[in-house]
Amino acid sequence: MARGRQTDDELVHERPAWMIPLLVFAGVLIFSGIFLYYYFGPTPGELLGRDARASSASSEIEAIIADQRFVIPENYTRYPAQRGGGRMNMIDMHALLPGLLPYSPDQQESFADNSIRSNVIYFSLSQRDAALNSSRRLKDIYSKYLASAEPEEGPDGLQLFRFRDNTGYANQDLLVGKDAEERILLLICDRRSAQIESPNCYRSLLLGPRLEMSYRYKRHHLDSWRMIDRNISALVDRFAAIERIDDLQGSIAD
């Protein structure tokens, strides 16, 4: 009788044979899910619409920047977060040179191209409460960092100034001219180097007291600077509504 009785400590609790394989399988599923999300899942920026993602939609976005109203086709915009319309501090856009064509799926490869001959131009409209106009930037900022006050001859009538290498503008050049409306045109262009294989040129200018337009394109296209500047200015003019407004109108909402 004594051999047939056992204490609680002597009892052996048997687990089901399928439990360990089930735990292993669940662990593999969880690890695989984490792995797949890390490499293929949306980033926080994508979820919030802050990562660039082109759109082929042609619907129009009504945006108010620095009290100026713009009506912009969605296929020119770069960021989903900026497609809601209303008042905003900035809207970023892109197009293809030379005709400033908007994004379309059949031009996906061209829009993704970042080579030295890329035809993509990136441009933006933004509110700047303390921006300097071009003449002030040339006199108060850029002139202090030039290697020489005497310009070299640049493409198609531009004057080329080189920045000193010991400044924040190292490996860049300043090109100065006049645009079609006789405004001072300042282009900051990267020099091609081992660090910069696909150099860009940049321009920013004030369109109003607080409204700034800026754009950049590959230095390879610098010989066409007149056409590019004229065409991008005309495109932005086409987006702009005639009237200035003090508050939101129509269906626009903050």
Foldseek 3Di string as FASTA:
>chain_A
DVVVDDDPVPDDDDDDPCVVVVVVVVVVVVVVVVVCCVVPNDDPCVVQQNAWDADPAQAWAWAAAPLWTFTHGRQFFTTPNPRQHYYDFKTKGKAFPDQRHGDDVVCVVLCPDQAQPRRMKIKMKGFAQDDDAPVCCVPVPVVVFWPDPAFDDDAPRWTKTHGDLPDPLHQWIWTWDAAPVRGIWIKIWGHDDPVRPRIKIKTKGDPDNTMIMMMMDTCVCVNCVRSRVVNVVVVRVVRTDPDGDDHDDDPGDD
